[in-house]
Amino acid sequence: MENNNSRRENDAQHVPFVDWLKITFVYCLVPVALFISAGDFQWVNAWIFSIAIVIAGVGGRIWAEKKHPGIVEERLSSIKIDKSNIKVWDKILAPLMAFSIGFPLPIIAGLDHRFMWSPIFSFWLSLMGFIFIISGYLFAVWALAENKFFSTVVRIQSERGHSVCDSGPYRMVRHPGYAGNVFALFGIVLFLNSIWALIPTLFALMITIMRTEKEDQTLKEELPGYADYAQRVHYKLFIGIY
């Protein structure tokens, strides 16, 4: 048993190069969608955003894997695991949330840039957007690196000894990964100068809140210690608001 555990841990420490390529490819799809819809490869803010999302997405997972060997494997293998272990509602909300956070916003923002639907934002609004993006991604990456049970689907990872994470950003809100991504979305609206991008952003916020409610209730009912943790950390996503 001990040898099996050691072997699994050693395997987890060496994520296949092809898996890193898959992760990088997925994160590069967002900039590709943005530039194709914008039709402008000299758009400076789009390049800055593209670099930020790829670094946060890939770099964050490298950091998390170094801290918690096996977390990347868990996130990649979640699409292959026994679906009976996934909540029925999450089979819908998980992919819907991933899509809503990833693609509609850059596509709308790109089209907005191409057809100049929105007025030009001030430098200070763009700067605020950049700060929102960076701080949001940093917060989300911190959550990923702090919680070794961070998964793409809502399930109790009994085989990995699932326990409550109450350190790092989890001392502030109960779902910091979601919070960081939502914060970044509003930053993207400002930084990419698109009022119309608020529509997919608000849709993504709605899906995120729906999933947060379901996930939080599931964890209270099924994960030992989570109900007590929820009594200590009152807010799910945004301190003082929700």
Protein backbone atom coordinates (compact mmCIF):
# COMPACT_ATOMS: atom_id res chain seq x y z
CA MET A 1 0.00 0.00 0.00
CA GLU A 2 2.81 2.34 0.95
CA ASN A 3 4.66 1.53 -2.28
CA ASN A 4 1.53 2.25 -4.32
CA ASN A 5 1.10 5.62 -2.63
CA SER A 6 4.76 6.49 -3.22
CA ARG A 7 4.47 5.50 -6.87
CA ARG A 8 1.34 7.61 -7.30
CA GLU A 9 3.05 10.60 -5.69
CA ASN A 10 6.13 10.22 -7.91
CA ASP A 11 3.94 9.97 -11.00
CA ALA A 12 2.04 13.09 -9.94
CA GLN A 13 5.28 15.05 -9.64
CA HIS A 14 5.98 14.49 -13.35
CA VAL A 15 3.07 15.84 -15.34
CA PRO A 16 3.57 14.70 -18.96
CA PHE A 17 4.79 17.44 -21.27
CA VAL A 18 1.83 16.80 -23.55
CA ASP A 19 -0.50 17.72 -20.69
CA TRP A 20 1.25 21.05 -20.24
CA LEU A 21 0.85 21.61 -23.98
CA LYS A 22 -2.88 20.90 -23.68
CA ILE A 23 -3.22 23.39 -20.82
CA THR A 24 -1.28 26.05 -22.74
CA PHE A 25 -3.34 25.41 -25.87
CA VAL A 26 -6.63 25.88 -23.99
CA TYR A 27 -5.51 29.20 -22.52
CA CYS A 28 -4.25 30.39 -25.90
CA LEU A 29 -7.71 29.85 -27.38
CA VAL A 30 -9.00 32.90 -25.50
CA PRO A 31 -6.50 35.33 -27.12
CA VAL A 32 -7.09 33.66 -30.49
CA ALA A 33 -10.84 34.27 -30.17
CA LEU A 34 -10.16 37.87 -29.14
CA PHE A 35 -7.83 38.70 -32.03
CA ILE A 36 -9.92 36.95 -34.68
CA SER A 37 -13.06 38.81 -33.61
CA ALA A 38 -11.16 42.11 -33.36
CA GLY A 39 -9.28 41.76 -36.65
CA ASP A 40 -6.48 43.88 -35.20
CA PHE A 41 -3.18 42.23 -34.29
CA GLN A 42 -1.66 45.57 -33.25
CA TRP A 43 -4.11 46.08 -30.37
CA VAL A 44 -1.73 46.67 -27.46
CA ASN A 45 -4.21 46.13 -24.63
CA ALA A 46 -5.30 42.84 -26.19
CA TRP A 47 -1.69 41.62 -26.22
CA ILE A 48 -1.20 42.63 -22.59
CA PHE A 49 -4.39 40.81 -21.58
CA SER A 50 -3.42 37.75 -23.63
CA ILE A 51 -0.03 37.50 -21.96
CA ALA A 52 -1.63 37.93 -18.53
CA ILE A 53 -4.21 35.16 -18.99
CA VAL A 54 -1.70 32.65 -20.38
CA ILE A 55 0.84 33.36 -17.64
CA ALA A 56 -1.85 33.14 -14.94
CA GLY A 57 -3.37 29.97 -16.39
CA VAL A 58 -0.19 28.02 -17.09
CA GLY A 59 2.08 29.58 -14.47
CA GLY A 60 -0.57 29.17 -11.79
CA ARG A 61 -0.83 25.45 -12.48
CA ILE A 62 2.95 25.03 -12.42
CA TRP A 63 3.02 26.73 -9.02
CA ALA A 64 0.12 24.62 -7.75
CA GLU A 65 1.72 21.39 -8.98
CA LYS A 66 4.98 22.22 -7.19
CA LYS A 67 3.07 22.80 -3.94
CA HIS A 68 0.63 19.93 -4.31
CA PRO A 69 1.86 17.19 -6.66
CA GLY A 70 -1.13 15.59 -8.33
CA ILE A 71 -3.43 18.62 -8.48
CA VAL A 72 -2.94 19.07 -12.23
CA GLU A 73 -3.66 15.39 -12.79
CA GLU A 74 -6.85 15.72 -10.71
CA ARG A 75 -8.03 18.70 -12.75
CA LEU A 76 -7.23 17.04 -16.08
CA SER A 77 -8.66 13.65 -15.10
CA SER A 78 -11.92 15.13 -13.80
CA ILE A 79 -13.37 14.77 -17.29
CA LYS A 80 -12.60 11.03 -17.21
CA ILE A 81 -13.68 10.12 -13.69
CA ASP A 82 -16.82 8.19 -12.82
CA LYS A 83 -19.61 10.64 -13.61
CA SER A 84 -21.74 9.12 -10.85
CA ASN A 85 -19.47 10.93 -8.39
CA ILE A 86 -20.38 14.30 -9.90
CA LYS A 87 -23.54 16.14 -8.92
CA VAL A 88 -26.21 16.15 -11.62
CA TRP A 89 -26.47 19.95 -11.57
CA ASP A 90 -22.68 20.32 -11.94
CA LYS A 91 -22.69 18.32 -15.16
CA ILE A 92 -24.48 21.37 -16.56
CA LEU A 93 -23.08 24.24 -14.49
CA ALA A 94 -19.39 23.24 -14.65
CA PRO A 95 -19.02 23.40 -18.45
CA LEU A 96 -21.41 26.35 -18.66
CA MET A 97 -19.35 28.28 -16.13
CA ALA A 98 -16.06 27.39 -17.84
CA PHE A 99 -17.43 28.56 -21.19
CA SER A 100 -19.06 31.73 -19.83
CA ILE A 101 -15.85 32.83 -18.12
CA GLY A 102 -13.65 31.95 -21.08
CA PHE A 103 -15.05 32.88 -24.47
CA PRO A 104 -18.12 35.14 -24.81
CA LEU A 105 -16.41 38.17 -23.25
CA PRO A 106 -13.30 38.28 -25.49
CA ILE A 107 -15.42 37.62 -28.58
CA ILE A 108 -17.81 40.48 -27.78
CA ALA A 109 -14.92 42.76 -26.75
CA GLY A 110 -13.13 41.94 -30.00
CA LEU A 111 -16.19 42.71 -32.12
CA ASP A 112 -16.69 45.91 -30.13
CA HIS A 113 -13.12 46.94 -30.97
CA ARG A 114 -13.57 46.06 -34.65
CA PHE A 115 -16.82 47.98 -35.10
CA MET A 116 -16.14 50.68 -32.48
CA TRP A 117 -19.43 50.22 -30.64
CA SER A 118 -18.21 51.71 -27.34
CA PRO A 119 -16.81 55.18 -26.64
CA ILE A 120 -13.11 55.39 -25.77
CA PHE A 121 -12.55 54.91 -22.04
CA SER A 122 -10.21 57.19 -20.13
CA PHE A 123 -6.67 56.12 -19.29
CA TRP A 124 -7.64 55.82 -15.63
CA LEU A 125 -10.49 53.43 -16.37
CA SER A 126 -8.13 51.29 -18.45
CA LEU A 127 -5.57 51.36 -15.65
CA MET A 128 -8.24 50.35 -13.15
CA GLY A 129 -9.20 47.49 -15.45
CA PHE A 130 -5.59 46.33 -15.65
CA ILE A 131 -5.31 46.37 -11.85
CA PHE A 132 -8.56 44.37 -11.58
CA ILE A 133 -7.27 41.78 -14.06
CA ILE A 134 -3.91 41.28 -12.37
CA SER A 135 -5.29 41.26 -8.82
CA GLY A 136 -8.16 38.96 -9.82
CA TYR A 137 -5.89 36.45 -11.52
CA LEU A 138 -3.39 36.56 -8.65
CA PHE A 139 -6.19 35.88 -6.15
CA ALA A 140 -7.53 32.97 -8.23
CA VAL A 141 -4.05 31.49 -8.72
CA TRP A 142 -3.35 31.84 -5.01
CA ALA A 143 -6.52 29.87 -4.29
CA LEU A 144 -5.49 27.15 -6.74
CA ALA A 145 -2.02 26.85 -5.22
CA GLU A 146 -3.33 26.92 -1.64
CA ASN A 147 -6.02 24.25 -1.96
CA LYS A 148 -4.74 20.83 -3.01
CA PHE A 149 -8.35 19.69 -3.52
CA PHE A 150 -9.13 22.45 -6.05
CA SER A 151 -10.99 20.64 -8.84
CA THR A 152 -12.86 21.47 -12.03
CA VAL A 153 -15.94 19.58 -10.81
CA VAL A 154 -17.85 19.56 -7.54
CA ARG A 155 -17.16 16.25 -5.84
CA ILE A 156 -15.85 14.99 -2.52
CA GLN A 157 -12.39 13.58 -3.26
CA SER A 158 -12.52 10.76 -0.72
CA GLU A 159 -9.73 8.86 -2.48
CA ARG A 160 -7.39 11.81 -1.81
CA GLY A 161 -8.42 12.40 1.81
CA HIS A 162 -10.47 15.50 1.05
CA SER A 163 -10.44 18.05 3.88
CA VAL A 164 -11.35 21.72 4.35
CA CYS A 165 -8.84 24.34 3.20
CA ASP A 166 -9.01 27.39 5.47
CA SER A 167 -5.65 29.02 4.80
CA GLY A 168 -4.47 31.71 2.39
CA PRO A 169 -7.33 33.40 0.51
CA TYR A 170 -9.76 30.92 2.07
CA ARG A 171 -9.44 32.92 5.28
CA MET A 172 -11.22 35.79 3.50
CA VAL A 173 -13.89 34.15 1.34
CA ARG A 174 -15.01 30.55 0.90
CA HIS A 175 -14.67 30.43 -2.89
CA PRO A 176 -11.68 32.68 -3.73
CA GLY A 177 -10.99 31.01 -7.08
CA TYR A 178 -14.40 32.05 -8.38
CA ALA A 179 -14.09 35.48 -6.78
CA GLY A 180 -10.77 36.18 -8.46
CA ASN A 181 -12.03 35.18 -11.89
CA VAL A 182 -15.15 37.34 -11.61
CA PHE A 183 -13.07 40.31 -10.45
CA ALA A 184 -10.80 39.84 -13.48
CA LEU A 185 -13.80 39.72 -15.84
CA PHE A 186 -14.91 43.20 -14.81
CA GLY A 187 -11.33 44.34 -15.27
CA ILE A 188 -11.31 42.96 -18.82
CA VAL A 189 -14.43 45.00 -19.64
CA LEU A 190 -12.57 48.18 -18.69
CA PHE A 191 -9.15 47.27 -20.08
CA LEU A 192 -10.51 46.16 -23.46
CA ASN A 193 -12.75 49.22 -23.65
CA SER A 194 -16.06 47.43 -24.18
CA ILE A 195 -19.37 48.38 -22.61
CA TRP A 196 -21.02 45.54 -24.52
CA ALA A 197 -18.71 43.04 -22.83
CA LEU A 198 -20.68 43.72 -19.66
CA ILE A 199 -23.44 41.46 -21.02
CA PRO A 200 -21.38 38.23 -21.05
CA THR A 201 -19.68 39.35 -17.83
CA LEU A 202 -22.99 39.64 -15.99
CA PHE A 203 -24.07 36.28 -17.43
CA ALA A 204 -20.84 34.70 -16.16
CA LEU A 205 -21.44 36.30 -12.75
CA MET A 206 -24.95 34.81 -12.64
CA ILE A 207 -23.67 31.31 -13.50
CA THR A 208 -20.86 31.66 -10.95
CA ILE A 209 -23.28 32.61 -8.18
CA MET A 210 -25.60 29.72 -9.08
CA ARG A 211 -22.73 27.24 -8.94
CA THR A 212 -21.32 28.77 -5.76
CA GLU A 213 -24.66 28.32 -4.00
CA LYS A 214 -24.95 24.68 -5.05
CA GLU A 215 -21.32 23.88 -4.29
CA ASP A 216 -21.38 25.58 -0.91
CA GLN A 217 -24.48 23.65 0.14
CA THR A 218 -22.95 20.37 -1.03
CA LEU A 219 -19.77 20.98 0.94
CA LYS A 220 -21.75 21.86 4.07
CA GLU A 221 -23.67 18.60 3.81
CA GLU A 222 -20.92 16.22 2.72
CA LEU A 223 -17.47 17.55 3.66
CA PRO A 224 -16.65 17.15 7.37
CA GLY A 225 -15.69 20.44 8.98
CA TYR A 226 -17.00 22.68 6.19
CA ALA A 227 -20.11 23.79 8.08
CA ASP A 228 -17.91 24.98 10.96
CA TYR A 229 -15.59 26.69 8.49
CA ALA A 230 -18.60 28.50 6.97
CA GLN A 231 -19.43 29.83 10.43
CA ARG A 232 -15.93 31.33 10.69
CA VAL A 233 -15.67 32.69 7.14
CA HIS A 234 -18.99 34.38 6.46
CA TYR A 235 -18.69 35.45 2.82
CA LYS A 236 -18.73 33.16 -0.21
CA LEU A 237 -17.34 35.44 -2.92
CA PHE A 238 -17.15 39.11 -2.00
CA ILE A 239 -16.34 40.43 1.46
CA GLY A 240 -19.18 42.52 2.84
CA ILE A 241 -21.48 41.73 -0.11
CA TYR A 242 -21.97 38.01 -0.72
